[in-house]
Amino acid sequence: APLLVRRDGSQWDDNPGQRYDRQIDKV
């Protein structure tokens, strides 16, 4: 199973639109 997951339990994705960097932008 993925070690690092989103709040909803889904895997962080490297696809545009689902990327972790959109969340990092908020930080």
PDB file of all heavy atoms in Angstrom:
ATOM      1  N   ALA A   1       0.854  -1.202   0.000  1.00  0.00           N
ATOM      2  CA  ALA A   1       0.000   0.000   0.000  1.00  0.00           C
ATOM      3  C   ALA A   1       0.885   1.246   0.000  1.00  0.00           C
ATOM      4  O   ALA A   1       1.993   1.234   0.532  1.00  0.00           O
ATOM      5  CB  ALA A   1      -0.903   0.006   1.227  1.00  0.00           C
ATOM      6  N   PRO A   2       0.403   2.341  -0.595  1.00  0.00           N
ATOM      7  CA  PRO A   2       1.171   3.591  -0.560  1.00  0.00           C
ATOM      8  C   PRO A   2       1.400   4.034   0.889  1.00  0.00           C
ATOM      9  O   PRO A   2       0.495   3.949   1.715  1.00  0.00           O
ATOM     10  CB  PRO A   2       0.283   4.590  -1.288  1.00  0.00           C
ATOM     11  CG  PRO A   2      -0.713   3.782  -2.038  1.00  0.00           C
ATOM     12  CD  PRO A   2      -0.867   2.490  -1.302  1.00  0.00           C
ATOM     13  N   LEU A   3       2.608   4.485   1.179  1.00  0.00           N
ATOM     14  CA  LEU A   3       2.926   4.955   2.529  1.00  0.00           C
ATOM     15  C   LEU A   3       2.344   6.335   2.779  1.00  0.00           C
ATOM     16  O   LEU A   3       1.769   6.596   3.826  1.00  0.00           O
ATOM     17  CB  LEU A   3       4.452   4.973   2.719  1.00  0.00           C
ATOM     18  CG  LEU A   3       4.965   5.432   4.078  1.00  0.00           C
ATOM     19  CD1 LEU A   3       4.451   4.530   5.202  1.00  0.00           C
ATOM     20  CD2 LEU A   3       6.489   5.467   4.082  1.00  0.00           C
ATOM     21  N   LEU A   4       2.493   7.212   1.803  1.00  0.00           N
ATOM     22  CA  LEU A   4       1.992   8.585   1.925  1.00  0.00           C
ATOM     23  C   LEU A   4       0.710   8.708   1.103  1.00  0.00           C
ATOM     24  O   LEU A   4       0.718   8.454  -0.097  1.00  0.00           O
ATOM     25  CB  LEU A   4       3.041   9.573   1.415  1.00  0.00           C
ATOM     26  CG  LEU A   4       4.362   9.553   2.175  1.00  0.00           C
ATOM     27  CD1 LEU A   4       5.441  10.278   1.394  1.00  0.00           C
ATOM     28  CD2 LEU A   4       4.194  10.172   3.552  1.00  0.00           C
ATOM     29  N   VAL A   5      -0.372   9.065   1.774  1.00  0.00           N
ATOM     30  CA  VAL A   5      -1.662   9.171   1.095  1.00  0.00           C
ATOM     31  C   VAL A   5      -2.322  10.514   1.389  1.00  0.00           C
ATOM     32  O   VAL A   5      -1.951  11.215   2.332  1.00  0.00           O
ATOM     33  CB  VAL A   5      -2.620   8.028   1.505  1.00  0.00           C
ATOM     34  CG1 VAL A   5      -2.096   6.679   1.027  1.00  0.00           C
ATOM     35  CG2 VAL A   5      -2.833   8.004   3.010  1.00  0.00           C
ATOM     36  N   ARG A   6      -3.315  10.841   0.582  1.00  0.00           N
ATOM     37  CA  ARG A   6      -4.102  12.064   0.777  1.00  0.00           C
ATOM     38  C   ARG A   6      -5.037  11.899   1.976  1.00  0.00           C
ATOM     39  O   ARG A   6      -5.189  10.806   2.509  1.00  0.00           O
ATOM     40  CB  ARG A   6      -4.940  12.343  -0.477  1.00  0.00           C
ATOM     41  CG  ARG A   6      -4.139  12.649  -1.695  1.00  0.00           C
ATOM     42  CD  ARG A   6      -5.105  12.768  -2.895  1.00  0.00           C
ATOM     43  NE  ARG A   6      -4.379  13.073  -4.098  1.00  0.00           N
ATOM     44  CZ  ARG A   6      -4.095  14.315  -4.489  1.00  0.00           C
ATOM     45  NH1 ARG A   6      -4.474  15.340  -3.780  1.00  0.00           N
ATOM     46  NH2 ARG A   6      -3.430  14.515  -5.600  1.00  0.00           N
ATOM     47  N   ARG A   7      -5.679  12.978   2.335  1.00  0.00           N
ATOM     48  CA  ARG A   7      -6.618  12.977   3.451  1.00  0.00           C
ATOM     49  C   ARG A   7      -7.720  11.934   3.255  1.00  0.00           C
ATOM     50  O   ARG A   7      -8.154  11.285   4.203  1.00  0.00           O
ATOM     51  CB  ARG A   7      -7.245  14.366   3.607  1.00  0.00           C
ATOM     52  CG  ARG A   7      -8.053  14.505   4.874  1.00  0.00           C
ATOM     53  CD  ARG A   7      -8.701  15.846   5.021  1.00  0.00           C
ATOM     54  NE  ARG A   7      -7.852  16.919   4.516  1.00  0.00           N
ATOM     55  CZ  ARG A   7      -8.254  18.154   4.322  1.00  0.00           C
ATOM     56  NH1 ARG A   7      -9.496  18.498   4.576  1.00  0.00           N
ATOM     57  NH2 ARG A   7      -7.444  19.073   3.870  1.00  0.00           N
ATOM     58  N   ASP A   8      -8.169  11.746   2.003  1.00  0.00           N
ATOM     59  CA  ASP A   8      -9.240  10.782   1.724  1.00  0.00           C
ATOM     60  C   ASP A   8      -8.735   9.350   1.579  1.00  0.00           C
ATOM     61  O   ASP A   8      -9.497   8.434   1.270  1.00  0.00           O
ATOM     62  CB  ASP A   8     -10.029  11.196   0.478  1.00  0.00           C
ATOM     63  CG  ASP A   8      -9.207  11.151  -0.801  1.00  0.00           C
ATOM     64  OD1 ASP A   8      -8.035  10.723  -0.766  1.00  0.00           O
ATOM     65  OD2 ASP A   8      -9.739  11.544  -1.861  1.00  0.00           O
ATOM     66  N   GLY A   9      -7.429   9.136   1.786  1.00  0.00           N
ATOM     67  CA  GLY A   9      -6.854   7.804   1.706  1.00  0.00           C
ATOM     68  C   GLY A   9      -6.353   7.419   0.329  1.00  0.00           C
ATOM     69  O   GLY A   9      -5.727   6.372   0.159  1.00  0.00           O
ATOM     70  N   SER A  10      -6.604   8.249  -0.675  1.00  0.00           N
ATOM     71  CA  SER A  10      -6.127   7.944  -2.028  1.00  0.00           C
ATOM     72  C   SER A  10      -4.645   8.293  -2.146  1.00  0.00           C
ATOM     73  O   SER A  10      -4.106   9.081  -1.375  1.00  0.00           O
ATOM     74  CB  SER A  10      -6.946   8.701  -3.075  1.00  0.00           C
ATOM     75  OG  SER A  10      -6.745  10.099  -2.952  1.00  0.00           O
ATOM     76  N   GLN A  11      -4.023   7.705  -3.150  1.00  0.00           N
ATOM     77  CA  GLN A  11      -2.598   7.910  -3.368  1.00  0.00           C
ATOM     78  C   GLN A  11      -2.341   9.292  -3.952  1.00  0.00           C
ATOM     79  O   GLN A  11      -3.108   9.780  -4.771  1.00  0.00           O
ATOM     80  CB  GLN A  11      -2.079   6.838  -4.323  1.00  0.00           C
ATOM     81  CG  GLN A  11      -0.597   6.899  -4.550  1.00  0.00           C
ATOM     82  CD  GLN A  11      -0.091   5.698  -5.338  1.00  0.00           C
ATOM     83  OE1 GLN A  11      -0.806   4.736  -5.550  1.00  0.00           O
ATOM     84  NE2 GLN A  11       1.161   5.768  -5.745  1.00  0.00           N
ATOM     85  N   TRP A  12      -1.247   9.912  -3.509  1.00  0.00           N
ATOM     86  CA  TRP A  12      -0.802  11.137  -4.162  1.00  0.00           C
ATOM     87  C   TRP A  12      -0.475  10.778  -5.594  1.00  0.00           C
ATOM     88  O   TRP A  12       0.140   9.744  -5.854  1.00  0.00           O
ATOM     89  CB  TRP A  12       0.440  11.722  -3.473  1.00  0.00           C
ATOM     90  CG  TRP A  12       0.166  12.279  -2.125  1.00  0.00           C
ATOM     91  CD1 TRP A  12       0.444  11.677  -0.933  1.00  0.00           C
ATOM     92  CD2 TRP A  12      -0.429  13.532  -1.815  1.00  0.00           C
ATOM     93  NE1 TRP A  12       0.058  12.488   0.099  1.00  0.00           N
ATOM     94  CE2 TRP A  12      -0.482  13.639  -0.416  1.00  0.00           C
ATOM     95  CE3 TRP A  12      -0.928  14.580  -2.580  1.00  0.00           C
ATOM     96  CZ2 TRP A  12      -1.003  14.739   0.241  1.00  0.00           C
ATOM     97  CZ3 TRP A  12      -1.444  15.686  -1.933  1.00  0.00           C
ATOM     98  CH2 TRP A  12      -1.484  15.764  -0.544  1.00  0.00           C
ATOM     99  N   ASP A  13      -0.873  11.609  -6.496  1.00  0.00           N
ATOM    100  CA  ASP A  13      -0.714  11.297  -7.908  1.00  0.00           C
ATOM    101  C   ASP A  13       0.254  12.265  -8.556  1.00  0.00           C
ATOM    102  O   ASP A  13       0.350  13.418  -8.159  1.00  0.00           O
ATOM    103  CB  ASP A  13      -2.077  11.389  -8.596  1.00  0.00           C
ATOM    104  CG  ASP A  13      -2.140  10.627  -9.895  1.00  0.00           C
ATOM    105  OD1 ASP A  13      -1.082  10.229 -10.409  1.00  0.00           O
ATOM    106  OD2 ASP A  13      -3.259  10.440 -10.399  1.00  0.00           O
ATOM    107  N   ASP A  14       0.938  11.789  -9.566  1.00  0.00           N
ATOM    108  CA  ASP A  14       1.881  12.624 -10.300  1.00  0.00           C
ATOM    109  C   ASP A  14       1.269  13.103 -11.618  1.00  0.00           C
ATOM    110  O   ASP A  14       1.950  13.624 -12.462  1.00  0.00           O
ATOM    111  CB  ASP A  14       3.169  11.834 -10.560  1.00  0.00           C
ATOM    112  CG  ASP A  14       4.341  12.726 -10.886  1.00  0.00           C
ATOM    113  OD1 ASP A  14       4.309  13.905 -10.509  1.00  0.00           O
ATOM    114  OD2 ASP A  14       5.292  12.241 -11.525  1.00  0.00           O
ATOM    115  N   ASN A  15      -0.029  12.912 -11.772  1.00  0.00           N
ATOM    116  CA  ASN A  15      -0.703  13.344 -13.000  1.00  0.00           C
ATOM    117  C   ASN A  15      -1.204  14.775 -12.868  1.00  0.00           C
ATOM    118  O   ASN A  15      -1.678  15.175 -11.803  1.00  0.00           O
ATOM    119  CB  ASN A  15      -1.890  12.427 -13.309  1.00  0.00           C
ATOM    120  CG  ASN A  15      -1.449  11.021 -13.642  1.00  0.00           C
ATOM    121  OD1 ASN A  15      -0.434  10.833 -14.282  1.00  0.00           O
ATOM    122  ND2 ASN A  15      -2.195  10.040 -13.171  1.00  0.00           N
ATOM    123  N   PRO A  16      -1.134  15.555 -13.946  1.00  0.00           N
ATOM    124  CA  PRO A  16      -1.645  16.931 -13.894  1.00  0.00           C
ATOM    125  C   PRO A  16      -3.099  16.945 -13.419  1.00  0.00           C
ATOM    126  O   PRO A  16      -3.883  16.091 -13.758  1.00  0.00           O
ATOM    127  CB  PRO A  16      -1.530  17.403 -15.347  1.00  0.00           C
ATOM    128  CG  PRO A  16      -0.451  16.543 -15.932  1.00  0.00           C
ATOM    129  CD  PRO A  16      -0.578  15.207 -15.242  1.00  0.00           C
ATOM    130  N   GLY A  17      -3.428  17.912 -12.609  1.00  0.00           N
ATOM    131  CA  GLY A  17      -4.775  18.030 -12.062  1.00  0.00           C
ATOM    132  C   GLY A  17      -4.933  17.338 -10.722  1.00  0.00           C
ATOM    133  O   GLY A  17      -5.786  17.687  -9.932  1.00  0.00           O
ATOM    134  N   GLN A  18      -4.116  16.327 -10.474  1.00  0.00           N
ATOM    135  CA  GLN A  18      -4.174  15.584  -9.215  1.00  0.00           C
ATOM    136  C   GLN A  18      -2.854  15.689  -8.461  1.00  0.00           C
ATOM    137  O   GLN A  18      -2.617  14.968  -7.517  1.00  0.00           O
ATOM    138  CB  GLN A  18      -4.462  14.101  -9.501  1.00  0.00           C
ATOM    139  CG  GLN A  18      -5.788  13.839 -10.131  1.00  0.00           C
ATOM    140  CD  GLN A  18      -6.921  14.116  -9.172  1.00  0.00           C
ATOM    141  OE1 GLN A  18      -6.820  13.845  -7.974  1.00  0.00           O
ATOM    142  NE2 GLN A  18      -7.985  14.686  -9.670  1.00  0.00           N
ATOM    143  N   ARG A  19      -2.009  16.555  -8.921  1.00  0.00           N
ATOM    144  CA  ARG A  19      -0.646  16.593  -8.411  1.00  0.00           C
ATOM    145  C   ARG A  19      -0.553  17.132  -6.985  1.00  0.00           C
ATOM    146  O   ARG A  19      -1.335  17.961  -6.560  1.00  0.00           O
ATOM    147  CB  ARG A  19       0.226  17.435  -9.335  1.00  0.00           C
ATOM    148  CG  ARG A  19       0.439  16.766 -10.686  1.00  0.00           C
ATOM    149  CD  ARG A  19       1.233  17.643 -11.573  1.00  0.00           C
ATOM    150  NE  ARG A  19       2.514  17.954 -10.995  1.00  0.00           N
ATOM    151  CZ  ARG A  19       3.661  17.460 -11.399  1.00  0.00           C
ATOM    152  NH1 ARG A  19       3.699  16.646 -12.397  1.00  0.00           N
ATOM    153  NH2 ARG A  19       4.787  17.804 -10.818  1.00  0.00           N
ATOM    154  N   TYR A  20       0.468  16.662  -6.295  1.00  0.00           N
ATOM    155  CA  TYR A  20       0.784  17.116  -4.947  1.00  0.00           C
ATOM    156  C   TYR A  20       1.206  18.580  -4.957  1.00  0.00           C
ATOM    157  O   TYR A  20       1.002  19.287  -3.990  1.00  0.00           O
ATOM    158  CB  TYR A  20       1.915  16.257  -4.368  1.00  0.00           C
ATOM    159  CG  TYR A  20       3.017  16.033  -5.372  1.00  0.00           C
ATOM    160  CD1 TYR A  20       3.979  17.003  -5.615  1.00  0.00           C
ATOM    161  CD2 TYR A  20       3.053  14.872  -6.132  1.00  0.00           C
ATOM    162  CE1 TYR A  20       4.941  16.824  -6.577  1.00  0.00           C
ATOM    163  CE2 TYR A  20       4.028  14.686  -7.091  1.00  0.00           C
ATOM    164  CZ  TYR A  20       4.963  15.663  -7.305  1.00  0.00           C
ATOM    165  OH  TYR A  20       5.919  15.496  -8.268  1.00  0.00           O
ATOM    166  N   ASP A  21       1.776  19.049  -6.072  1.00  0.00           N
ATOM    167  CA  ASP A  21       2.306  20.414  -6.071  1.00  0.00           C
ATOM    168  C   ASP A  21       1.209  21.468  -5.988  1.00  0.00           C
ATOM    169  O   ASP A  21       1.449  22.573  -5.523  1.00  0.00           O
ATOM    170  CB  ASP A  21       3.247  20.672  -7.235  1.00  0.00           C
ATOM    171  CG  ASP A  21       2.662  20.372  -8.601  1.00  0.00           C
ATOM    172  OD1 ASP A  21       1.504  19.935  -8.680  1.00  0.00           O
ATOM    173  OD2 ASP A  21       3.385  20.572  -9.585  1.00  0.00           O
ATOM    174  N   ARG A  22      -0.003  21.139  -6.376  1.00  0.00           N
ATOM    175  CA  ARG A  22      -1.115  22.088  -6.208  1.00  0.00           C
ATOM    176  C   ARG A  22      -1.378  22.316  -4.718  1.00  0.00           C
ATOM    177  O   ARG A  22      -1.726  23.407  -4.306  1.00  0.00           O
ATOM    178  CB  ARG A  22      -2.358  21.595  -6.915  1.00  0.00           C
ATOM    179  CG  ARG A  22      -2.178  21.491  -8.417  1.00  0.00           C
ATOM    180  CD  ARG A  22      -3.505  21.364  -9.123  1.00  0.00           C
ATOM    181  NE  ARG A  22      -3.323  21.079 -10.529  1.00  0.00           N
ATOM    182  CZ  ARG A  22      -3.026  21.986 -11.445  1.00  0.00           C
ATOM    183  NH1 ARG A  22      -2.835  23.229 -11.107  1.00  0.00           N
ATOM    184  NH2 ARG A  22      -2.901  21.640 -12.709  1.00  0.00           N
ATOM    185  N   GLN A  23      -1.193  21.271  -3.932  1.00  0.00           N
ATOM    186  CA  GLN A  23      -1.345  21.395  -2.481  1.00  0.00           C
ATOM    187  C   GLN A  23      -0.148  22.115  -1.867  1.00  0.00           C
ATOM    188  O   GLN A  23      -0.300  22.922  -0.952  1.00  0.00           O
ATOM    189  CB  GLN A  23      -1.523  20.005  -1.847  1.00  0.00           C
ATOM    190  CG  GLN A  23      -2.749  19.264  -2.324  1.00  0.00           C
ATOM    191  CD  GLN A  23      -4.020  20.035  -2.061  1.00  0.00           C
ATOM    192  OE1 GLN A  23      -4.228  20.550  -0.967  1.00  0.00           O
ATOM    193  NE2 GLN A  23      -4.859  20.146  -3.074  1.00  0.00           N
ATOM    194  N   ILE A  24       1.040  21.826  -2.379  1.00  0.00           N
ATOM    195  CA  ILE A  24       2.253  22.498  -1.892  1.00  0.00           C
ATOM    196  C   ILE A  24       2.139  24.006  -2.140  1.00  0.00           C
ATOM    197  O   ILE A  24       2.576  24.817  -1.319  1.00  0.00           O
ATOM    198  CB  ILE A  24       3.523  21.916  -2.556  1.00  0.00           C
ATOM    199  CG1 ILE A  24       3.678  20.433  -2.249  1.00  0.00           C
ATOM    200  CG2 ILE A  24       4.756  22.715  -2.195  1.00  0.00           C
ATOM    201  CD1 ILE A  24       4.179  20.078  -0.882  1.00  0.00           C
ATOM    202  N   ASP A  25       1.525  24.384  -3.266  1.00  0.00           N
ATOM    203  CA  ASP A  25       1.322  25.814  -3.555  1.00  0.00           C
ATOM    204  C   ASP A  25       0.582  26.506  -2.412  1.00  0.00           C
ATOM    205  O   ASP A  25       0.885  27.645  -2.060  1.00  0.00           O
ATOM    206  CB  ASP A  25       0.535  26.007  -4.856  1.00  0.00           C
ATOM    207  CG  ASP A  25       1.354  25.713  -6.099  1.00  0.00           C
ATOM    208  OD1 ASP A  25       2.584  25.504  -5.978  1.00  0.00           O
ATOM    209  OD2 ASP A  25       0.764  25.697  -7.199  1.00  0.00           O
ATOM    210  N   LYS A  26      -0.391  25.818  -1.825  1.00  0.00           N
ATOM    211  CA  LYS A  26      -1.158  26.390  -0.699  1.00  0.00           C
ATOM    212  C   LYS A  26      -0.245  26.636   0.506  1.00  0.00           C
ATOM    213  O   LYS A  26      -0.391  27.630   1.205  1.00  0.00           O
ATOM    214  CB  LYS A  26      -2.308  25.459  -0.314  1.00  0.00           C
ATOM    215  CG  LYS A  26      -3.368  25.328  -1.379  1.00  0.00           C
ATOM    216  CD  LYS A  26      -4.429  24.336  -0.955  1.00  0.00           C
ATOM    217  CE  LYS A  26      -5.437  24.108  -2.078  1.00  0.00           C
ATOM    218  NZ  LYS A  26      -6.421  23.085  -1.708  1.00  0.00           N
ATOM    219  N   VAL A  27       0.693  25.737   0.724  1.00  0.00           N
ATOM    220  CA  VAL A  27       1.644  25.890   1.827  1.00  0.00           C
ATOM    221  C   VAL A  27       2.548  27.094   1.559  1.00  0.00           C
ATOM    222  O   VAL A  27       2.787  27.917   2.447  1.00  0.00           O
ATOM    223  CB  VAL A  27       2.501  24.618   2.018  1.00  0.00           C
ATOM    224  CG1 VAL A  27       3.543  24.820   3.111  1.00  0.00           C
ATOM    225  CG2 VAL A  27       1.617  23.420   2.315  1.00  0.00           C
TER     226      VAL A  27
END
